[in-house]
Amino acid sequence: MSYGTTLLRREDVMEGVPEMIHDVQIEATFPDGTKLVTVHDPIR
């Protein structure tokens, strides 16, 4: 989950977007089923 915070930087998005996006949730499929992964404060 910490890797998710390295994908977007403030410079990559429009002004004001980092303040609007507090969490991103991704549903991923694993061999033992699906899991909901939450990345908190994804844009740094």
PDB file of N, CA and C in Angstrom:
ATOM      1  N   MET A   1       0.812  -1.187   0.000  1.00  0.00           N
ATOM      2  CA  MET A   1       0.000   0.000   0.000  1.00  0.00           C
ATOM      3  C   MET A   1       0.856   1.253   0.000  1.00  0.00           C
ATOM      4  N   SER A   2       2.000   1.198   0.615  1.00  0.00           N
ATOM      5  CA  SER A   2       2.847   2.392   0.628  1.00  0.00           C
ATOM      6  C   SER A   2       3.361   2.707  -0.775  1.00  0.00           C
ATOM      7  N   TYR A   3       3.499   1.695  -1.623  1.00  0.00           N
ATOM      8  CA  TYR A   3       3.925   1.935  -3.008  1.00  0.00           C
ATOM      9  C   TYR A   3       2.923   2.827  -3.734  1.00  0.00           C
ATOM     10  N   GLY A   4       1.645   2.692  -3.398  1.00  0.00           N
ATOM     11  CA  GLY A   4       0.611   3.498  -4.035  1.00  0.00           C
ATOM     12  C   GLY A   4       0.802   4.990  -3.841  1.00  0.00           C
ATOM     13  N   THR A   5       1.465   5.377  -2.779  1.00  0.00           N
ATOM     14  CA  THR A   5       1.689   6.805  -2.526  1.00  0.00           C
ATOM     15  C   THR A   5       2.836   7.362  -3.357  1.00  0.00           C
ATOM     16  N   THR A   6       3.549   6.518  -4.095  1.00  0.00           N
ATOM     17  CA  THR A   6       4.672   6.992  -4.907  1.00  0.00           C
ATOM     18  C   THR A   6       4.294   7.184  -6.370  1.00  0.00           C
ATOM     19  N   LEU A   7       3.071   6.820  -6.757  1.00  0.00           N
ATOM     20  CA  LEU A   7       2.687   6.851  -8.165  1.00  0.00           C
ATOM     21  C   LEU A   7       2.326   8.240  -8.671  1.00  0.00           C
ATOM     22  N   LEU A   8       1.702   9.055  -7.858  1.00  0.00           N
ATOM     23  CA  LEU A   8       1.331  10.415  -8.254  1.00  0.00           C
ATOM     24  C   LEU A   8       1.936  11.422  -7.295  1.00  0.00           C
ATOM     25  N   ARG A   9       2.466  12.494  -7.885  1.00  0.00           N
ATOM     26  CA  ARG A   9       2.982  13.599  -7.077  1.00  0.00           C
ATOM     27  C   ARG A   9       2.093  14.812  -7.303  1.00  0.00           C
ATOM     28  N   ARG A  10       2.217  15.785  -6.440  1.00  0.00           N
ATOM     29  CA  ARG A  10       1.430  17.016  -6.586  1.00  0.00           C
ATOM     30  C   ARG A  10       1.649  17.656  -7.953  1.00  0.00           C
ATOM     31  N   GLU A  11       2.845  17.520  -8.490  1.00  0.00           N
ATOM     32  CA  GLU A  11       3.172  18.114  -9.789  1.00  0.00           C
ATOM     33  C   GLU A  11       2.456  17.402 -10.937  1.00  0.00           C
ATOM     34  N   ASP A  12       1.960  16.192 -10.705  1.00  0.00           N
ATOM     35  CA  ASP A  12       1.319  15.393 -11.753  1.00  0.00           C
ATOM     36  C   ASP A  12      -0.172  15.678 -11.915  1.00  0.00           C
ATOM     37  N   VAL A  13      -0.766  16.393 -10.980  1.00  0.00           N
ATOM     38  CA  VAL A  13      -2.213  16.615 -11.010  1.00  0.00           C
ATOM     39  C   VAL A  13      -2.522  18.112 -10.969  1.00  0.00           C
ATOM     40  N   MET A  14      -3.763  18.445 -11.288  1.00  0.00           N
ATOM     41  CA  MET A  14      -4.181  19.846 -11.275  1.00  0.00           C
ATOM     42  C   MET A  14      -4.188  20.399  -9.852  1.00  0.00           C
ATOM     43  N   GLU A  15      -4.054  21.705  -9.767  1.00  0.00           N
ATOM     44  CA  GLU A  15      -4.064  22.389  -8.475  1.00  0.00           C
ATOM     45  C   GLU A  15      -5.371  22.095  -7.738  1.00  0.00           C
ATOM     46  N   GLY A  16      -5.270  21.786  -6.471  1.00  0.00           N
ATOM     47  CA  GLY A  16      -6.437  21.526  -5.640  1.00  0.00           C
ATOM     48  C   GLY A  16      -6.845  20.065  -5.556  1.00  0.00           C
ATOM     49  N   VAL A  17      -6.377  19.246  -6.490  1.00  0.00           N
ATOM     50  CA  VAL A  17      -6.769  17.831  -6.498  1.00  0.00           C
ATOM     51  C   VAL A  17      -6.237  17.079  -5.276  1.00  0.00           C
ATOM     52  N   PRO A  18      -4.976  17.257  -4.875  1.00  0.00           N
ATOM     53  CA  PRO A  18      -4.488  16.509  -3.702  1.00  0.00           C
ATOM     54  C   PRO A  18      -5.327  16.733  -2.447  1.00  0.00           C
ATOM     55  N   GLU A  19      -5.883  17.932  -2.302  1.00  0.00           N
ATOM     56  CA  GLU A  19      -6.704  18.224  -1.131  1.00  0.00           C
ATOM     57  C   GLU A  19      -8.078  17.558  -1.216  1.00  0.00           C
ATOM     58  N   MET A  20      -8.524  17.216  -2.421  1.00  0.00           N
ATOM     59  CA  MET A  20      -9.839  16.589  -2.602  1.00  0.00           C
ATOM     60  C   MET A  20      -9.798  15.071  -2.482  1.00  0.00           C
ATOM     61  N   ILE A  21      -8.652  14.465  -2.802  1.00  0.00           N
ATOM     62  CA  ILE A  21      -8.541  13.006  -2.818  1.00  0.00           C
ATOM     63  C   ILE A  21      -7.851  12.551  -1.536  1.00  0.00           C
ATOM     64  N   HIS A  22      -8.623  12.014  -0.618  1.00  0.00           N
ATOM     65  CA  HIS A  22      -8.075  11.568   0.659  1.00  0.00           C
ATOM     66  C   HIS A  22      -7.777  10.073   0.664  1.00  0.00           C
ATOM     67  N   ASP A  23      -8.560   9.302  -0.075  1.00  0.00           N
ATOM     68  CA  ASP A  23      -8.381   7.847  -0.139  1.00  0.00           C
ATOM     69  C   ASP A  23      -8.651   7.366  -1.559  1.00  0.00           C
ATOM     70  N   VAL A  24      -7.931   6.333  -1.966  1.00  0.00           N
ATOM     71  CA  VAL A  24      -8.207   5.622  -3.209  1.00  0.00           C
ATOM     72  C   VAL A  24      -8.371   4.162  -2.831  1.00  0.00           C
ATOM     73  N   GLN A  25      -9.447   3.550  -3.312  1.00  0.00           N
ATOM     74  CA  GLN A  25      -9.692   2.140  -3.013  1.00  0.00           C
ATOM     75  C   GLN A  25      -9.640   1.336  -4.304  1.00  0.00           C
ATOM     76  N   ILE A  26      -8.942   0.208  -4.252  1.00  0.00           N
ATOM     77  CA  ILE A  26      -8.781  -0.682  -5.390  1.00  0.00           C
ATOM     78  C   ILE A  26      -9.178  -2.077  -4.953  1.00  0.00           C
ATOM     79  N   GLU A  27     -10.031  -2.712  -5.730  1.00  0.00           N
ATOM     80  CA  GLU A  27     -10.382  -4.099  -5.442  1.00  0.00           C
ATOM     81  C   GLU A  27      -9.495  -4.981  -6.313  1.00  0.00           C
ATOM     82  N   ALA A  28      -8.649  -5.761  -5.679  1.00  0.00           N
ATOM     83  CA  ALA A  28      -7.686  -6.605  -6.387  1.00  0.00           C
ATOM     84  C   ALA A  28      -8.036  -8.076  -6.191  1.00  0.00           C
ATOM     85  N   THR A  29      -7.748  -8.872  -7.227  1.00  0.00           N
ATOM     86  CA  THR A  29      -8.014 -10.307  -7.165  1.00  0.00           C
ATOM     87  C   THR A  29      -6.729 -11.050  -6.827  1.00  0.00           C
ATOM     88  N   PHE A  30      -6.795 -11.879  -5.810  1.00  0.00           N
ATOM     89  CA  PHE A  30      -5.684 -12.708  -5.369  1.00  0.00           C
ATOM     90  C   PHE A  30      -6.111 -14.165  -5.464  1.00  0.00           C
ATOM     91  N   PRO A  31      -5.162 -15.107  -5.383  1.00  0.00           N
ATOM     92  CA  PRO A  31      -5.532 -16.527  -5.460  1.00  0.00           C
ATOM     93  C   PRO A  31      -6.578 -16.938  -4.421  1.00  0.00           C
ATOM     94  N   ASP A  32      -6.599 -16.282  -3.271  1.00  0.00           N
ATOM     95  CA  ASP A  32      -7.562 -16.654  -2.225  1.00  0.00           C
ATOM     96  C   ASP A  32      -8.819 -15.777  -2.232  1.00  0.00           C
ATOM     97  N   GLY A  33      -9.013 -14.997  -3.286  1.00  0.00           N
ATOM     98  CA  GLY A  33     -10.212 -14.173  -3.408  1.00  0.00           C
ATOM     99  C   GLY A  33      -9.882 -12.712  -3.656  1.00  0.00           C
ATOM    100  N   THR A  34     -10.904 -11.872  -3.594  1.00  0.00           N
ATOM    101  CA  THR A  34     -10.684 -10.447  -3.817  1.00  0.00           C
ATOM    102  C   THR A  34     -10.471  -9.726  -2.490  1.00  0.00           C
ATOM    103  N   LYS A  35      -9.690  -8.675  -2.554  1.00  0.00           N
ATOM    104  CA  LYS A  35      -9.395  -7.863  -1.369  1.00  0.00           C
ATOM    105  C   LYS A  35      -9.560  -6.394  -1.752  1.00  0.00           C
ATOM    106  N   LEU A  36     -10.046  -5.612  -0.818  1.00  0.00           N
ATOM    107  CA  LEU A  36     -10.152  -4.177  -1.010  1.00  0.00           C
ATOM    108  C   LEU A  36      -8.932  -3.522  -0.376  1.00  0.00           C
ATOM    109  N   VAL A  37      -8.156  -2.828  -1.204  1.00  0.00           N
ATOM    110  CA  VAL A  37      -6.941  -2.163  -0.743  1.00  0.00           C
ATOM    111  C   VAL A  37      -7.211  -0.662  -0.717  1.00  0.00           C
ATOM    112  N   THR A  38      -6.902  -0.016   0.389  1.00  0.00           N
ATOM    113  CA  THR A  38      -7.102   1.427   0.526  1.00  0.00           C
ATOM    114  C   THR A  38      -5.758   2.117   0.665  1.00  0.00           C
ATOM    115  N   VAL A  39      -5.542   3.140  -0.160  1.00  0.00           N
ATOM    116  CA  VAL A  39      -4.338   3.965  -0.070  1.00  0.00           C
ATOM    117  C   VAL A  39      -4.777   5.316   0.486  1.00  0.00           C
ATOM    118  N   HIS A  40      -4.269   5.671   1.657  1.00  0.00           N
ATOM    119  CA  HIS A  40      -4.605   6.941   2.300  1.00  0.00           C
ATOM    120  C   HIS A  40      -3.659   8.026   1.814  1.00  0.00           C
ATOM    121  N   ASP A  41      -4.186   9.199   1.539  1.00  0.00           N
ATOM    122  CA  ASP A  41      -3.408  10.338   1.028  1.00  0.00           C
ATOM    123  C   ASP A  41      -2.501   9.900  -0.120  1.00  0.00           C
ATOM    124  N   PRO A  42      -3.081   9.470  -1.251  1.00  0.00           N
ATOM    125  CA  PRO A  42      -2.296   8.891  -2.335  1.00  0.00           C
ATOM    126  C   PRO A  42      -1.449   9.894  -3.118  1.00  0.00           C
ATOM    127  N   ILE A  43      -1.785  11.172  -3.046  1.00  0.00           N
ATOM    128  CA  ILE A  43      -1.039  12.177  -3.805  1.00  0.00           C
ATOM    129  C   ILE A  43      -0.216  12.995  -2.825  1.00  0.00           C
ATOM    130  N   ARG A  44       1.100  12.888  -2.963  1.00  0.00           N
ATOM    131  CA  ARG A  44       1.999  13.584  -2.023  1.00  0.00           C
ATOM    132  C   ARG A  44       2.957  14.489  -2.740  1.00  0.00           C
TER     133      ARG A  44
END
